[in-house]
């Protein structure tokens, strides 16, 4: 009887087993375990990737879960047996002390003659336990202005032999950096980053590099987010949102007010964040003030992060970009 039931089951047909996930792109060591690391200098790790399948492999995207990761990829198109290298660099200045994990997803497609294109994904991770002697406060800078602006950050070193900032360089000509003498206990230096009024309108992500006299920490990289507005554009208050989460707080939010300089009506047609998961709500209707509420939910608030919220205006038209950052709980 058992044999008859088994044969009957075969005759009626069973659902086919799910196809195995595509795994043509491989990495012999997909986890870069860095151990105990002093925060301050960038933390870099190289992953060697290989095409272990058939057909032409094209890497289409390298997506990071944290804005603190910079990515440098070699060849993006591989034939069977060919290799490429992906270098990830973590800005440890913006990351909390203790155990950390950073992940990227490498998306790719496989094209074979006579077969439909297939897609796959490879996950790579770096882990490290961070501690710090050198602190930069704030660890990242955001400008949102129609004119000139400046921000001051402080570099402190609690070691007996403190480092000294010798010089600085910016990735854009419209950013200048001034370094004050070191002093105090712990010894600290203030660094002033200035945005010139002549900076072109638009949104850009720049880097200020501070060079030190410490061989163990030769460079400090400061992310600088610039939103330069055209004159007489709608203004946001505050111009940049900084959310500080208290211990035990699961999410954080901030309210932004939008006004036109001539007092005319402002109306929001839509808004969204360039980081999935950050929630954006806005006021309905038209009036002298429009409001936008930005919320960082529990799923994202565990670690520091940043994004840009873009608000589209039906009155008077155009778009306002609001830099958003949060400390992590």
Protein backbone atom coordinates (compact mmCIF):
# COMPACT_ATOMS: atom_id res chain seq x y z
CA UNK A 1 0.00 0.00 0.00
CA UNK A 2 2.82 2.37 0.86
CA UNK A 3 4.41 1.78 -2.54
CA UNK A 4 1.10 2.49 -4.31
CA UNK A 5 0.65 5.80 -2.43
CA UNK A 6 4.20 6.86 -3.33
CA UNK A 7 3.66 6.05 -7.02
CA UNK A 8 0.33 7.89 -7.00
CA UNK A 9 2.02 10.94 -5.55
CA UNK A 10 4.56 10.88 -8.35
CA UNK A 11 1.83 10.55 -10.93
CA UNK A 12 -0.13 13.54 -9.65
CA UNK A 13 3.05 15.63 -9.72
CA UNK A 14 4.79 17.48 -6.92
CA UNK A 15 5.84 21.16 -6.96
CA UNK A 16 9.39 21.48 -8.28
CA UNK A 17 12.13 22.13 -5.77
CA UNK A 18 13.16 25.80 -5.64
CA UNK A 19 16.15 26.66 -7.77
CA UNK A 20 19.42 27.10 -5.91
CA UNK A 21 20.43 30.75 -5.49
CA UNK A 22 22.87 32.06 -8.04
CA UNK A 23 26.39 32.00 -6.60
CA UNK A 24 28.65 32.77 -9.55
CA UNK A 25 30.47 35.65 -7.80
CA UNK A 26 32.54 34.27 -4.93
CA UNK A 27 34.87 35.54 -2.23
CA UNK A 28 37.19 33.15 -0.37
CA UNK A 29 37.00 35.34 2.77
CA UNK A 30 33.67 37.25 2.81
CA UNK A 31 34.21 38.35 6.43
CA UNK A 32 37.01 40.76 7.29
CA UNK A 33 37.46 40.39 11.06
CA UNK A 34 39.76 43.26 12.13
CA UNK A 35 39.70 42.64 15.90
CA UNK A 36 40.48 45.54 18.26
CA UNK A 37 40.95 48.82 16.38
CA UNK A 38 41.69 52.36 17.55
CA UNK A 39 39.13 54.73 16.06
CA UNK A 40 40.40 57.75 14.19
CA UNK A 41 42.24 56.64 11.05
CA UNK A 42 40.11 55.10 8.27
CA UNK A 43 39.76 51.32 8.50
CA UNK A 44 40.30 49.66 5.11
CA UNK A 45 39.83 46.07 3.98
CA UNK A 46 40.19 44.49 0.52
CA UNK A 47 37.95 41.67 -0.73
CA UNK A 48 39.12 39.58 -3.69
CA UNK A 49 36.14 38.54 -5.84
CA UNK A 50 36.15 35.81 -8.50
CA UNK A 51 33.78 34.70 -11.26
CA UNK A 52 33.31 30.99 -10.55
CA UNK A 53 30.43 30.39 -12.97
CA UNK A 54 29.76 30.53 -16.70
CA UNK A 55 28.86 33.42 -18.98
CA UNK A 56 29.64 37.13 -18.60
CA UNK A 57 29.31 38.50 -15.08
CA UNK A 58 28.58 42.21 -14.59
CA UNK A 59 28.66 43.84 -11.16
CA UNK A 60 25.75 46.29 -11.21
CA UNK A 61 25.79 47.77 -7.70
CA UNK A 62 27.71 47.79 -4.42
CA UNK A 63 25.23 48.90 -1.76
CA UNK A 64 26.33 49.74 1.78
CA UNK A 65 24.10 49.84 4.83
CA UNK A 66 26.04 52.76 6.29
CA UNK A 67 27.05 56.12 4.85
CA UNK A 68 30.39 55.73 6.65
CA UNK A 69 31.60 53.26 3.98
CA UNK A 70 33.56 54.32 0.92
CA UNK A 71 33.86 51.80 -1.91
CA UNK A 72 36.52 51.32 -4.59
CA UNK A 73 35.87 48.56 -7.13
CA UNK A 74 38.22 47.33 -9.84
CA UNK A 75 36.85 45.63 -12.95
CA UNK A 76 33.06 45.43 -13.12
CA UNK A 77 32.78 42.92 -16.00
CA UNK A 78 34.31 39.46 -15.56
CA UNK A 79 34.65 36.38 -17.69
CA UNK A 80 34.78 32.90 -16.09
CA UNK A 81 37.88 32.59 -13.90
CA UNK A 82 38.61 36.33 -13.82
CA UNK A 83 38.98 38.28 -10.58
CA UNK A 84 38.46 41.80 -9.29
CA UNK A 85 39.08 43.59 -5.99
CA UNK A 86 36.68 45.60 -3.84
CA UNK A 87 38.21 47.88 -1.19
CA UNK A 88 35.96 49.13 1.61
CA UNK A 89 37.01 52.00 3.86
CA UNK A 90 35.19 52.76 7.12
CA UNK A 91 35.29 56.27 8.56
CA UNK A 92 35.79 55.18 12.18
CA UNK A 93 35.40 58.76 13.47
CA UNK A 94 31.63 58.55 12.95
CA UNK A 95 31.21 55.08 14.50
CA UNK A 96 30.49 54.21 18.17
CA UNK A 97 32.92 52.50 20.50
CA UNK A 98 32.51 48.75 21.02
CA UNK A 99 31.71 45.91 18.57
CA UNK A 100 30.72 47.08 15.10
CA UNK A 101 29.67 45.28 11.93
CA UNK A 102 29.52 46.85 8.45
CA UNK A 103 27.96 45.08 5.47
CA UNK A 104 27.77 45.62 1.74
CA UNK A 105 25.68 43.78 -0.84
CA UNK A 106 27.33 43.23 -4.23
CA UNK A 107 24.64 42.80 -6.91
CA UNK A 108 25.48 41.25 -10.27
CA UNK A 109 23.99 39.71 -13.39
CA UNK A 110 25.02 36.69 -15.49
CA UNK A 111 24.54 36.67 -19.27
CA UNK A 112 24.91 33.42 -21.22
CA UNK A 113 24.15 32.93 -24.93
CA UNK A 114 20.65 31.55 -25.46
CA UNK A 115 19.62 32.00 -21.81
CA UNK A 116 17.81 34.79 -19.98
CA UNK A 117 19.91 37.03 -17.79
CA UNK A 118 20.09 35.98 -14.13
CA UNK A 119 20.74 38.09 -11.04
CA UNK A 120 22.69 37.31 -7.91
CA UNK A 121 24.00 38.95 -4.76
CA UNK A 122 27.08 38.49 -2.59
CA UNK A 123 27.17 39.78 1.00
CA UNK A 124 30.48 40.98 2.49
CA UNK A 125 31.14 42.12 6.05
CA UNK A 126 33.80 43.84 8.13
CA UNK A 127 33.83 43.54 11.91
CA UNK A 128 35.88 45.42 14.49
CA UNK A 129 35.77 46.45 18.13
CA UNK A 130 36.46 50.18 18.28
CA UNK A 131 37.98 52.23 21.08
CA UNK A 132 39.33 55.74 20.84
CA UNK A 133 41.98 58.03 22.21
CA UNK A 134 41.40 60.67 19.52
CA UNK A 135 37.98 62.30 19.19
CA UNK A 136 36.61 64.74 16.63
CA UNK A 137 33.51 66.69 17.65
CA UNK A 138 31.37 66.84 15.61
CA UNK A 139 32.72 63.94 13.50
CA UNK A 140 30.93 65.20 10.37
CA UNK A 141 29.80 68.61 9.12
CA UNK A 142 26.74 69.74 7.15
CA UNK A 143 26.16 73.12 5.47
CA UNK A 144 22.76 74.28 4.22
CA UNK A 145 22.90 77.93 3.25
CA UNK A 146 22.42 80.47 0.48
CA UNK A 147 25.57 82.40 1.44
CA UNK A 148 28.89 81.93 3.19
CA UNK A 149 29.00 79.78 6.33
CA UNK A 150 31.47 78.20 8.71
CA UNK A 151 31.57 75.47 11.33
CA UNK A 152 34.12 74.70 14.04
CA UNK A 153 35.11 71.22 15.13
CA UNK A 154 37.46 70.14 17.92
CA UNK A 155 40.12 67.43 17.73
CA UNK A 156 41.09 66.11 21.19
CA UNK A 157 43.67 63.49 22.18
CA UNK A 158 43.73 62.04 25.71
CA UNK A 159 47.08 60.25 25.33
CA UNK A 160 50.18 61.51 27.12
CA UNK A 161 51.80 62.30 23.77
CA UNK A 162 49.04 64.01 21.85
CA UNK A 163 48.96 64.36 18.10
CA UNK A 164 49.08 67.74 16.39
CA UNK A 165 47.15 68.72 13.25
CA UNK A 166 49.81 70.01 10.84
CA UNK A 167 47.78 70.85 7.75
CA UNK A 168 44.47 70.24 6.03
CA UNK A 169 43.10 69.73 2.54
CA UNK A 170 39.57 69.91 1.16
CA UNK A 171 38.12 68.04 -1.83
CA UNK A 172 36.53 71.24 -3.21
CA UNK A 173 37.96 74.69 -3.94
CA UNK A 174 35.02 76.45 -2.23
CA UNK A 175 35.93 74.87 1.13
CA UNK A 176 38.79 76.32 3.19
CA UNK A 177 40.21 75.09 6.49
CA UNK A 178 41.87 77.03 9.33
CA UNK A 179 43.78 75.22 12.12
CA UNK A 180 44.19 76.80 15.55
CA UNK A 181 47.14 76.04 17.90
CA UNK A 182 46.79 73.05 20.21
CA UNK A 183 46.28 73.49 23.95
CA UNK A 184 44.35 72.46 27.05
CA UNK A 185 44.03 69.17 28.92
CA UNK A 186 43.34 66.86 27.21
CA UNK A 187 45.16 68.68 24.47
CA UNK A 188 42.78 69.88 21.78
CA UNK A 189 42.83 71.83 18.53
CA UNK A 190 39.97 73.64 16.92
CA UNK A 191 39.51 73.44 13.15
CA UNK A 192 37.30 75.89 11.28
CA UNK A 193 35.76 74.75 7.98
CA UNK A 194 34.48 77.60 5.82
CA UNK A 195 32.12 77.47 2.85
CA UNK A 196 32.57 80.37 0.46
CA UNK A 197 29.61 82.42 -0.76
CA UNK A 198 30.75 81.74 -4.34
CA UNK A 199 30.14 77.98 -3.98
CA UNK A 200 27.81 76.77 -6.75
CA UNK A 201 24.21 75.94 -5.88
CA UNK A 202 23.37 72.29 -5.41
CA UNK A 203 24.11 69.32 -3.17
CA UNK A 204 27.53 67.68 -2.87
CA UNK A 205 29.37 65.34 -0.50
CA UNK A 206 32.93 66.51 0.15
CA UNK A 207 35.83 65.44 2.39
CA UNK A 208 38.20 67.47 4.55
CA UNK A 209 41.41 65.61 5.37
CA UNK A 210 43.41 66.57 8.46
CA UNK A 211 47.09 65.55 8.42
CA UNK A 212 48.79 64.88 11.76
CA UNK A 213 52.31 64.25 13.13
CA UNK A 214 51.28 60.84 14.52
CA UNK A 215 52.46 57.84 12.42
CA UNK A 216 49.72 55.70 14.01
CA UNK A 217 47.03 58.19 13.02
CA UNK A 218 48.40 60.13 10.03
CA UNK A 219 45.04 61.26 8.62
CA UNK A 220 41.55 62.11 9.86
CA UNK A 221 38.76 62.25 7.28
CA UNK A 222 35.84 64.61 7.99
CA UNK A 223 32.72 64.13 5.81
CA UNK A 224 31.25 67.48 4.72
CA UNK A 225 27.75 67.58 3.25
CA UNK A 226 27.08 70.80 1.33
CA UNK A 227 23.67 72.09 0.30
CA UNK A 228 24.14 75.48 -1.35
CA UNK A 229 20.81 77.13 -2.08
CA UNK A 230 20.15 79.70 -4.73
CA UNK A 231 19.43 83.20 -3.42
CA UNK A 232 15.78 83.98 -2.59
CA UNK A 233 14.93 80.29 -2.34
CA UNK A 234 12.68 78.72 0.29
CA UNK A 235 14.60 78.36 3.55
CA UNK A 236 14.50 75.53 6.09
CA UNK A 237 14.70 76.04 9.86
CA UNK A 238 16.82 74.36 11.04
CA UNK A 239 18.92 74.21 7.89
CA UNK A 240 20.44 70.87 8.94
CA UNK A 241 18.82 68.37 11.31
CA UNK A 242 20.91 66.75 14.05
CA UNK A 243 19.08 64.17 16.16
CA UNK A 244 20.67 63.13 19.45
CA UNK A 245 19.23 59.95 20.94
CA UNK A 246 19.34 59.45 24.70
CA UNK A 247 20.20 56.04 26.23
CA UNK A 248 17.14 53.80 25.94
CA UNK A 249 15.46 55.98 23.30
CA UNK A 250 14.40 53.75 20.39
CA UNK A 251 13.73 56.41 17.76
CA UNK A 252 14.14 60.13 17.25
CA UNK A 253 12.44 62.84 15.23
CA UNK A 254 12.78 66.51 14.38
CA UNK A 255 10.49 69.16 12.89
CA UNK A 256 11.61 71.46 10.07
CA UNK A 257 9.80 74.65 9.04
CA UNK A 258 9.87 75.93 5.46
CA UNK A 259 9.37 79.60 4.58
CA UNK A 260 9.65 81.71 1.44
CA UNK A 261 11.76 84.88 1.96
CA UNK A 262 9.06 87.10 0.42
CA UNK A 263 6.33 85.76 2.72
CA UNK A 264 4.49 84.01 -0.10
CA UNK A 265 2.67 80.72 0.37
CA UNK A 266 4.59 77.46 0.64
CA UNK A 267 3.04 74.10 -0.24
CA UNK A 268 4.71 70.68 -0.12
CA UNK A 269 3.82 68.16 -2.83
CA UNK A 270 6.03 65.35 -1.52
CA UNK A 271 9.19 64.44 0.38
CA UNK A 272 11.48 61.44 0.78
CA UNK A 273 14.86 60.36 2.12
CA UNK A 274 17.79 58.96 0.16
CA UNK A 275 18.20 56.36 2.94
CA UNK A 276 15.39 53.75 2.95
CA UNK A 277 13.67 53.49 6.33
CA UNK A 278 13.90 57.13 7.38
CA UNK A 279 10.31 58.35 7.66
CA UNK A 280 9.20 61.75 6.31
CA UNK A 281 5.78 63.40 6.85
CA UNK A 282 4.68 66.89 5.78
CA UNK A 283 1.86 69.35 6.36
CA UNK A 284 -1.02 69.54 3.91
CA UNK A 285 -2.35 72.68 2.32
CA UNK A 286 -0.77 76.04 1.52
CA UNK A 287 0.36 78.79 3.88
CA UNK A 288 3.22 81.04 4.95
CA UNK A 289 4.87 78.11 6.79
CA UNK A 290 5.04 74.44 5.80
CA UNK A 291 6.36 71.75 8.14
CA UNK A 292 8.21 68.50 7.58
CA UNK A 293 8.80 65.89 10.30
CA UNK A 294 11.77 63.52 9.93
CA UNK A 295 11.83 60.34 12.04
CA UNK A 296 14.72 57.89 12.43
CA UNK A 297 13.08 54.57 13.47
CA UNK A 298 14.42 51.96 15.85
CA UNK A 299 15.77 49.83 12.99
CA UNK A 300 18.24 52.61 12.04
CA UNK A 301 18.86 54.39 15.33
CA UNK A 302 21.27 51.88 16.87
CA UNK A 303 24.25 53.41 15.04
CA UNK A 304 25.11 56.93 13.91
CA UNK A 305 24.01 57.75 10.40
CA UNK A 306 23.09 60.48 7.96
CA UNK A 307 20.92 61.04 4.94
CA UNK A 308 19.39 63.81 2.86
CA UNK A 309 15.66 64.54 2.87
CA UNK A 310 14.45 66.12 -0.36
CA UNK A 311 11.25 68.17 -0.15
CA UNK A 312 9.39 68.94 -3.39
CA UNK A 313 7.39 72.17 -3.45
CA UNK A 314 4.27 72.84 -5.52
CA UNK A 315 4.42 76.47 -4.29
CA UNK A 316 6.60 78.35 -5.13
CA UNK A 317 8.12 75.36 -6.92
CA UNK A 318 11.53 73.75 -6.76
CA UNK A 319 13.10 71.50 -4.15
CA UNK A 320 14.70 71.88 -0.71
CA UNK A 321 17.34 69.40 0.48
CA UNK A 322 17.79 68.98 4.24
CA UNK A 323 20.89 67.19 5.60
CA UNK A 324 19.96 64.87 8.48
CA UNK A 325 22.31 63.16 10.93
CA UNK A 326 21.82 61.21 14.16
CA UNK A 327 24.10 60.08 16.97
CA UNK A 328 22.94 56.53 17.52
CA UNK A 329 21.61 55.31 20.83
